[in-house]
Amino acid sequence: MAKILALDTSTDACSVAIEVDGERREIFKVIPRKHTHELLPMVEQLLAEAELKVSQLDAIAFGRGPGSFAGIRIATGVAQGLAYAVDLPVVPVSSLAALAQGYYRESKDSESLIITAFDARMNEIYWGGYRIVDGQACIDIAEKVSSPSELAVTENAICVAVGSGFNYLEQMPTAASGWFKSINCDLYPHALDIVTIASAQYELGNTVEAEDAQPVYLRNQVTWKKKDQQ
């Protein structure tokens, strides 16, 4: 089984995880605005605990977004650097899919349509819908950025809502509260769940070269830059 190191800094949480011979371990912290300083020490700690060097890994995985603009750039840069240094393939994983995978890991609910959403600021949310197929979060409703009022789900689907985006529930369509059998605004994406998704993708050959690993913002990058400069 592949040895994969995963990173995620797409939200206020920062996490690293590793899978070796089917055993997974993770370091997870909620540390807003401290990802730059904490991520590499967490990687070093986890590798030391696993008694591994980066060169002994088979791949690097990371949360590619959407999420915090600065956060996903940090994870992308570190993943690229680690992979490039020892010529490892990279597995980019959707942070929204990782959140859905985490919901499944905790609940074992494989029947519901899992709607995950992050607060995208500027009165918008990043969101998507996932089904669990053979233990993996698979896209059912394409990821997008929109106002909360534009959220829509498959008619008559049994749904659960996960993520900080559902703090905007009052701004969602009037029927939204009746769509979901449960709502959890407090779950974060975990590198542990990125490992789960990445392991399957690695086995399928769905990897990229380090220089081709890119963040996914969903929102227009130019818009971000203009807002940041104001």
C-alpha atoms as a PDB file:
ATOM      1  CA  MET A   1       0.000   0.000   0.000  1.00  0.00           C
ATOM      2  CA  ALA A   2       1.246   3.475  -0.904  1.00  0.00           C
ATOM      3  CA  LYS A   3       2.842   5.791   1.638  1.00  0.00           C
ATOM      4  CA  ILE A   4       1.092   9.144   1.232  1.00  0.00           C
ATOM      5  CA  LEU A   5       1.553  12.402   3.142  1.00  0.00           C
ATOM      6  CA  ALA A   6      -1.420  14.796   3.067  1.00  0.00           C
ATOM      7  CA  LEU A   7      -1.718  18.479   3.981  1.00  0.00           C
ATOM      8  CA  ASP A   8      -4.682  20.794   4.423  1.00  0.00           C
ATOM      9  CA  THR A   9      -4.759  24.517   5.226  1.00  0.00           C
ATOM     10  CA  SER A  10      -7.934  25.512   3.387  1.00  0.00           C
ATOM     11  CA  THR A  11      -9.752  26.772   6.512  1.00  0.00           C
ATOM     12  CA  ASP A  12      -8.807  27.961  10.013  1.00  0.00           C
ATOM     13  CA  ALA A  13      -7.739  24.361  10.662  1.00  0.00           C
ATOM     14  CA  CYS A  14      -4.278  23.093   9.781  1.00  0.00           C
ATOM     15  CA  SER A  15      -3.675  19.368   9.492  1.00  0.00           C
ATOM     16  CA  VAL A  16      -1.185  16.832   8.220  1.00  0.00           C
ATOM     17  CA  ALA A  17      -1.722  13.093   7.920  1.00  0.00           C
ATOM     18  CA  ILE A  18       0.161  10.073   6.689  1.00  0.00           C
ATOM     19  CA  GLU A  19      -0.737   6.572   5.639  1.00  0.00           C
ATOM     20  CA  VAL A  20       1.837   3.801   5.934  1.00  0.00           C
ATOM     21  CA  ASP A  21       0.935   0.154   5.359  1.00  0.00           C
ATOM     22  CA  GLY A  22      -2.744   0.906   5.842  1.00  0.00           C
ATOM     23  CA  GLU A  23      -2.199   2.714   9.152  1.00  0.00           C
ATOM     24  CA  ARG A  24      -3.115   6.391   9.282  1.00  0.00           C
ATOM     25  CA  ARG A  25      -2.117   9.075  11.735  1.00  0.00           C
ATOM     26  CA  GLU A  26      -2.847  12.793  11.842  1.00  0.00           C
ATOM     27  CA  ILE A  27      -1.895  16.043  13.548  1.00  0.00           C
ATOM     28  CA  PHE A  28      -4.807  18.498  13.539  1.00  0.00           C
ATOM     29  CA  LYS A  29      -4.948  22.036  14.959  1.00  0.00           C
ATOM     30  CA  VAL A  30      -7.341  24.955  14.633  1.00  0.00           C
ATOM     31  CA  ILE A  31      -4.878  27.846  14.326  1.00  0.00           C
ATOM     32  CA  PRO A  32      -6.236  30.804  12.335  1.00  0.00           C
ATOM     33  CA  ARG A  33      -3.531  32.777  10.493  1.00  0.00           C
ATOM     34  CA  LYS A  34      -0.707  30.569  11.825  1.00  0.00           C
ATOM     35  CA  HIS A  35      -0.537  28.000   9.039  1.00  0.00           C
ATOM     36  CA  THR A  36       2.663  29.415   7.544  1.00  0.00           C
ATOM     37  CA  HIS A  37       4.553  28.941  10.797  1.00  0.00           C
ATOM     38  CA  GLU A  38       3.019  25.651  11.899  1.00  0.00           C
ATOM     39  CA  LEU A  39       2.633  23.513   8.776  1.00  0.00           C
ATOM     40  CA  LEU A  40       6.233  22.438   8.160  1.00  0.00           C
ATOM     41  CA  PRO A  41       6.950  21.681  11.854  1.00  0.00           C
ATOM     42  CA  MET A  42       3.808  19.529  11.872  1.00  0.00           C
ATOM     43  CA  VAL A  43       5.038  17.690   8.762  1.00  0.00           C
ATOM     44  CA  GLU A  44       8.433  17.128  10.366  1.00  0.00           C
ATOM     45  CA  GLN A  45       6.832  15.859  13.583  1.00  0.00           C
ATOM     46  CA  LEU A  46       4.571  13.428  11.758  1.00  0.00           C
ATOM     47  CA  LEU A  47       7.371  12.053   9.587  1.00  0.00           C
ATOM     48  CA  ALA A  48       9.544  11.618  12.676  1.00  0.00           C
ATOM     49  CA  GLU A  49       6.765   9.718  14.453  1.00  0.00           C
ATOM     50  CA  ALA A  50       6.398   7.468  11.408  1.00  0.00           C
ATOM     51  CA  GLU A  51      10.196   7.102  11.150  1.00  0.00           C
ATOM     52  CA  LEU A  52      10.118   8.168   7.512  1.00  0.00           C
ATOM     53  CA  LYS A  53      11.883  10.634   5.253  1.00  0.00           C
ATOM     54  CA  VAL A  54      10.103  12.487   2.464  1.00  0.00           C
ATOM     55  CA  SER A  55      12.129  10.484  -0.048  1.00  0.00           C
ATOM     56  CA  GLN A  56      10.539   7.278   1.281  1.00  0.00           C
ATOM     57  CA  LEU A  57       7.014   8.432   0.445  1.00  0.00           C
ATOM     58  CA  ASP A  58       5.117   7.481  -2.694  1.00  0.00           C
ATOM     59  CA  ALA A  59       3.118  10.691  -3.085  1.00  0.00           C
ATOM     60  CA  ILE A  60       2.127  14.024  -1.559  1.00  0.00           C
ATOM     61  CA  ALA A  61      -1.552  14.998  -1.358  1.00  0.00           C
ATOM     62  CA  PHE A  62      -3.016  18.368  -0.468  1.00  0.00           C
ATOM     63  CA  GLY A  63      -6.314  20.187  -0.091  1.00  0.00           C
ATOM     64  CA  ARG A  64      -6.456  22.133  -3.346  1.00  0.00           C
ATOM     65  CA  GLY A  65      -9.412  24.268  -2.316  1.00  0.00           C
ATOM     66  CA  PRO A  66     -11.751  25.920  -2.510  1.00  0.00           C
ATOM     67  CA  GLY A  67     -11.265  27.739   0.742  1.00  0.00           C
ATOM     68  CA  SER A  68      -9.114  30.466   2.212  1.00  0.00           C
ATOM     69  CA  PHE A  69      -7.218  32.107  -0.648  1.00  0.00           C
ATOM     70  CA  ALA A  70      -4.013  32.371   1.402  1.00  0.00           C
ATOM     71  CA  GLY A  71      -4.496  28.985   3.037  1.00  0.00           C
ATOM     72  CA  ILE A  72      -4.748  26.922  -0.120  1.00  0.00           C
ATOM     73  CA  ARG A  73      -1.723  28.714  -1.550  1.00  0.00           C
ATOM     74  CA  ILE A  74       0.268  27.647   1.519  1.00  0.00           C
ATOM     75  CA  ALA A  75      -0.680  23.975   1.162  1.00  0.00           C
ATOM     76  CA  THR A  76      -0.055  24.075  -2.584  1.00  0.00           C
ATOM     77  CA  GLY A  77       3.384  25.618  -2.158  1.00  0.00           C
ATOM     78  CA  VAL A  78       4.488  23.189   0.546  1.00  0.00           C
ATOM     79  CA  ALA A  79       3.169  20.184  -1.390  1.00  0.00           C
ATOM     80  CA  GLN A  80       4.967  21.354  -4.527  1.00  0.00           C
ATOM     81  CA  GLY A  81       8.209  21.953  -2.644  1.00  0.00           C
ATOM     82  CA  LEU A  82       8.240  18.602  -0.866  1.00  0.00           C
ATOM     83  CA  ALA A  83       7.310  16.693  -4.019  1.00  0.00           C
ATOM     84  CA  TYR A  84       9.684  18.525  -6.337  1.00  0.00           C
ATOM     85  CA  ALA A  85      12.673  18.019  -4.030  1.00  0.00           C
ATOM     86  CA  VAL A  86      12.468  14.224  -4.272  1.00  0.00           C
ATOM     87  CA  ASP A  87      10.505  13.833  -7.525  1.00  0.00           C
ATOM     88  CA  LEU A  88       7.214  12.576  -6.072  1.00  0.00           C
ATOM     89  CA  PRO A  89       3.798  12.720  -7.749  1.00  0.00           C
ATOM     90  CA  VAL A  90       1.126  14.956  -6.242  1.00  0.00           C
ATOM     91  CA  VAL A  91      -2.560  14.246  -5.650  1.00  0.00           C
ATOM     92  CA  PRO A  92      -4.709  17.414  -5.440  1.00  0.00           C
ATOM     93  CA  VAL A  93      -7.927  16.782  -3.482  1.00  0.00           C
ATOM     94  CA  SER A  94     -11.000  18.984  -3.182  1.00  0.00           C
ATOM     95  CA  SER A  95     -11.308  20.468   0.297  1.00  0.00           C
ATOM     96  CA  LEU A  96     -15.095  20.249   0.014  1.00  0.00           C
ATOM     97  CA  ALA A  97     -14.817  16.552  -0.855  1.00  0.00           C
ATOM     98  CA  ALA A  98     -12.506  16.056   2.128  1.00  0.00           C
ATOM     99  CA  LEU A  99     -15.172  17.590   4.358  1.00  0.00           C
ATOM    100  CA  ALA A 100     -17.765  15.181   2.951  1.00  0.00           C
ATOM    101  CA  GLN A 101     -15.359  12.289   3.506  1.00  0.00           C
ATOM    102  CA  GLY A 102     -14.885  13.430   7.092  1.00  0.00           C
ATOM    103  CA  TYR A 103     -18.625  13.507   7.670  1.00  0.00           C
ATOM    104  CA  TYR A 104     -18.827   9.928   6.413  1.00  0.00           C
ATOM    105  CA  ARG A 105     -15.871   8.850   8.565  1.00  0.00           C
ATOM    106  CA  GLU A 106     -17.613  10.138  11.681  1.00  0.00           C
ATOM    107  CA  SER A 107     -21.211   9.195  10.870  1.00  0.00           C
ATOM    108  CA  LYS A 108     -20.930   6.115   8.612  1.00  0.00           C
ATOM    109  CA  ASP A 109     -23.922   7.612   6.761  1.00  0.00           C
ATOM    110  CA  SER A 110     -23.569   6.412   3.179  1.00  0.00           C
ATOM    111  CA  GLU A 111     -27.176   7.085   2.144  1.00  0.00           C
ATOM    112  CA  SER A 112     -27.449  10.866   2.351  1.00  0.00           C
ATOM    113  CA  LEU A 113     -26.510  13.475  -0.215  1.00  0.00           C
ATOM    114  CA  ILE A 114     -23.790  15.409   1.624  1.00  0.00           C
ATOM    115  CA  ILE A 115     -23.865  19.145   0.902  1.00  0.00           C
ATOM    116  CA  THR A 116     -20.644  20.775   2.069  1.00  0.00           C
ATOM    117  CA  ALA A 117     -20.121  24.531   2.196  1.00  0.00           C
ATOM    118  CA  PHE A 118     -17.459  26.989   3.316  1.00  0.00           C
ATOM    119  CA  ASP A 119     -17.859  30.681   4.053  1.00  0.00           C
ATOM    120  CA  ALA A 120     -16.347  32.391   0.987  1.00  0.00           C
ATOM    121  CA  ARG A 121     -16.616  35.897   2.479  1.00  0.00           C
ATOM    122  CA  MET A 122     -18.218  38.756   0.522  1.00  0.00           C
ATOM    123  CA  ASN A 123     -21.607  37.216   1.390  1.00  0.00           C
ATOM    124  CA  GLU A 124     -20.909  34.104  -0.701  1.00  0.00           C
ATOM    125  CA  ILE A 125     -20.301  30.405  -0.092  1.00  0.00           C
ATOM    126  CA  TYR A 126     -18.276  27.676  -1.761  1.00  0.00           C
ATOM    127  CA  TRP A 127     -20.384  24.548  -1.953  1.00  0.00           C
ATOM    128  CA  GLY A 128     -20.890  21.192  -3.617  1.00  0.00           C
ATOM    129  CA  GLY A 129     -22.761  17.921  -3.187  1.00  0.00           C
ATOM    130  CA  TYR A 130     -21.315  14.423  -2.672  1.00  0.00           C
ATOM    131  CA  ARG A 131     -22.455  10.828  -2.532  1.00  0.00           C
ATOM    132  CA  ILE A 132     -20.516   8.076  -0.795  1.00  0.00           C
ATOM    133  CA  VAL A 133     -19.662   5.328  -3.286  1.00  0.00           C
ATOM    134  CA  ASP A 134     -17.542   2.395  -2.099  1.00  0.00           C
ATOM    135  CA  GLY A 135     -16.438   4.442   0.894  1.00  0.00           C
ATOM    136  CA  GLN A 136     -15.355   7.441  -1.186  1.00  0.00           C
ATOM    137  CA  ALA A 137     -16.892  10.918  -1.455  1.00  0.00           C
ATOM    138  CA  CYS A 138     -17.865  11.328  -5.125  1.00  0.00           C
ATOM    139  CA  ILE A 139     -19.124  14.526  -6.712  1.00  0.00           C
ATOM    140  CA  ASP A 140     -22.895  14.718  -7.288  1.00  0.00           C
ATOM    141  CA  ILE A 141     -23.473  18.485  -7.484  1.00  0.00           C
ATOM    142  CA  ALA A 142     -20.618  20.430  -9.086  1.00  0.00           C
ATOM    143  CA  GLU A 143     -18.577  22.703  -6.826  1.00  0.00           C
ATOM    144  CA  LYS A 144     -19.315  26.386  -7.219  1.00  0.00           C
ATOM    145  CA  VAL A 145     -19.233  29.770  -5.527  1.00  0.00           C
ATOM    146  CA  SER A 146     -22.544  31.582  -5.165  1.00  0.00           C
ATOM    147  CA  SER A 147     -24.677  33.626  -2.842  1.00  0.00           C
ATOM    148  CA  PRO A 148     -26.327  31.507  -0.123  1.00  0.00           C
ATOM    149  CA  SER A 149     -29.701  32.194  -1.756  1.00  0.00           C
ATOM    150  CA  GLU A 150     -28.602  30.249  -4.856  1.00  0.00           C
ATOM    151  CA  LEU A 151     -27.964  26.973  -3.043  1.00  0.00           C
ATOM    152  CA  ALA A 152     -30.109  24.205  -4.516  1.00  0.00           C
ATOM    153  CA  VAL A 153     -30.265  20.442  -4.033  1.00  0.00           C
ATOM    154  CA  THR A 154     -31.609  17.462  -5.936  1.00  0.00           C
ATOM    155  CA  GLU A 155     -35.376  17.269  -5.548  1.00  0.00           C
ATOM    156  CA  ASN A 156     -36.547  14.778  -2.904  1.00  0.00           C
ATOM    157  CA  ALA A 157     -32.956  13.928  -1.919  1.00  0.00           C
ATOM    158  CA  ILE A 158     -32.215  13.065   1.703  1.00  0.00           C
ATOM    159  CA  CYS A 159     -29.507  15.591   2.558  1.00  0.00           C
ATOM    160  CA  VAL A 160     -27.139  16.574   5.321  1.00  0.00           C
ATOM    161  CA  ALA A 161     -25.445  19.977   5.572  1.00  0.00           C
ATOM    162  CA  VAL A 162     -21.824  20.261   6.668  1.00  0.00           C
ATOM    163  CA  GLY A 163     -19.461  23.200   7.003  1.00  0.00           C
ATOM    164  CA  SER A 164     -19.180  26.858   7.956  1.00  0.00           C
ATOM    165  CA  GLY A 165     -21.170  27.968   4.913  1.00  0.00           C
ATOM    166  CA  PHE A 166     -24.345  26.894   6.686  1.00  0.00           C
ATOM    167  CA  ASN A 167     -23.954  29.748   9.140  1.00  0.00           C
ATOM    168  CA  TYR A 168     -25.726  31.559   6.280  1.00  0.00           C
ATOM    169  CA  LEU A 169     -28.770  29.289   6.541  1.00  0.00           C
ATOM    170  CA  GLU A 170     -31.125  32.246   7.057  1.00  0.00           C
ATOM    171  CA  GLN A 171     -30.035  33.645   3.677  1.00  0.00           C
ATOM    172  CA  MET A 172     -30.617  30.352   1.861  1.00  0.00           C
ATOM    173  CA  PRO A 173     -33.891  29.526   0.098  1.00  0.00           C
ATOM    174  CA  THR A 174     -36.882  29.383   2.442  1.00  0.00           C
ATOM    175  CA  ALA A 175     -37.191  25.636   1.909  1.00  0.00           C
ATOM    176  CA  ALA A 176     -33.536  24.968   2.793  1.00  0.00           C
ATOM    177  CA  SER A 177     -34.090  24.195   6.465  1.00  0.00           C
ATOM    178  CA  GLY A 178     -36.428  21.396   5.414  1.00  0.00           C
ATOM    179  CA  TRP A 179     -33.934  19.862   2.987  1.00  0.00           C
ATOM    180  CA  PHE A 180     -31.479  18.717   5.637  1.00  0.00           C
ATOM    181  CA  LYS A 181     -31.946  15.994   8.219  1.00  0.00           C
ATOM    182  CA  SER A 182     -28.916  17.416  10.058  1.00  0.00           C
ATOM    183  CA  ILE A 183     -26.788  20.564   9.921  1.00  0.00           C
ATOM    184  CA  ASN A 184     -23.244  20.769  11.312  1.00  0.00           C
ATOM    185  CA  CYS A 185     -21.450  24.093  10.854  1.00  0.00           C
ATOM    186  CA  ASP A 186     -18.473  23.130  13.003  1.00  0.00           C
ATOM    187  CA  LEU A 187     -16.734  20.376  11.024  1.00  0.00           C
ATOM    188  CA  TYR A 188     -13.438  21.170   9.288  1.00  0.00           C
ATOM    189  CA  PRO A 189     -11.730  19.309   6.449  1.00  0.00           C
ATOM    190  CA  HIS A 190      -9.030  16.944   7.739  1.00  0.00           C
ATOM    191  CA  ALA A 191      -5.821  15.789   6.094  1.00  0.00           C
ATOM    192  CA  LEU A 192      -6.811  12.343   7.376  1.00  0.00           C
ATOM    193  CA  ASP A 193      -9.692  12.321   4.905  1.00  0.00           C
ATOM    194  CA  ILE A 194      -7.531  13.728   2.126  1.00  0.00           C
ATOM    195  CA  VAL A 195      -5.335  10.649   2.597  1.00  0.00           C
ATOM    196  CA  THR A 196      -8.395   8.417   2.150  1.00  0.00           C
ATOM    197  CA  ILE A 197      -9.367  10.084  -1.120  1.00  0.00           C
ATOM    198  CA  ALA A 198      -5.776  10.420  -2.336  1.00  0.00           C
ATOM    199  CA  SER A 199      -4.991   6.747  -1.755  1.00  0.00           C
ATOM    200  CA  ALA A 200      -7.763   5.711  -4.126  1.00  0.00           C
ATOM    201  CA  GLN A 201      -6.774   8.337  -6.692  1.00  0.00           C
ATOM    202  CA  TYR A 202      -3.120   7.296  -6.505  1.00  0.00           C
ATOM    203  CA  GLU A 203      -4.034   3.691  -7.230  1.00  0.00           C
ATOM    204  CA  LEU A 204      -5.979   4.889 -10.279  1.00  0.00           C
ATOM    205  CA  GLY A 205      -2.984   6.882 -11.492  1.00  0.00           C
ATOM    206  CA  ASN A 206      -4.706  10.234 -10.970  1.00  0.00           C
ATOM    207  CA  THR A 207      -1.619  12.224 -10.007  1.00  0.00           C
ATOM    208  CA  VAL A 208       0.186  15.282 -11.371  1.00  0.00           C
ATOM    209  CA  GLU A 209       3.781  16.465 -11.464  1.00  0.00           C
ATOM    210  CA  ALA A 210       4.778  18.888  -8.699  1.00  0.00           C
ATOM    211  CA  GLU A 211       4.888  21.888 -11.032  1.00  0.00           C
ATOM    212  CA  ASP A 212       1.364  21.101 -12.255  1.00  0.00           C
ATOM    213  CA  ALA A 213      -0.209  21.011  -8.787  1.00  0.00           C
ATOM    214  CA  GLN A 214      -2.468  24.056  -8.635  1.00  0.00           C
ATOM    215  CA  PRO A 215      -4.954  25.522  -6.157  1.00  0.00           C
ATOM    216  CA  VAL A 216      -8.618  25.768  -7.113  1.00  0.00           C
ATOM    217  CA  TYR A 217     -10.161  29.053  -6.030  1.00  0.00           C
ATOM    218  CA  LEU A 218     -13.551  28.829  -7.826  1.00  0.00           C
ATOM    219  CA  ARG A 219     -13.834  32.588  -7.438  1.00  0.00           C
ATOM    220  CA  ASN A 220     -12.188  34.706 -10.137  1.00  0.00           C
ATOM    221  CA  GLN A 221      -8.578  35.303  -9.074  1.00  0.00           C
ATOM    222  CA  VAL A 222      -8.571  38.862 -10.381  1.00  0.00           C
ATOM    223  CA  THR A 223     -11.526  39.689  -8.164  1.00  0.00           C
ATOM    224  CA  TRP A 224      -9.607  38.383  -5.158  1.00  0.00           C
ATOM    225  CA  LYS A 225      -6.598  40.550  -5.942  1.00  0.00           C
ATOM    226  CA  LYS A 226      -8.661  43.690  -6.336  1.00  0.00           C
ATOM    227  CA  LYS A 227     -10.458  43.082  -3.059  1.00  0.00           C
ATOM    228  CA  ASP A 228      -7.188  42.392  -1.252  1.00  0.00           C
ATOM    229  CA  GLN A 229      -5.712  45.619  -2.533  1.00  0.00           C
ATOM    230  CA  GLN A 230      -8.579  47.805  -1.359  1.00  0.00           C
END
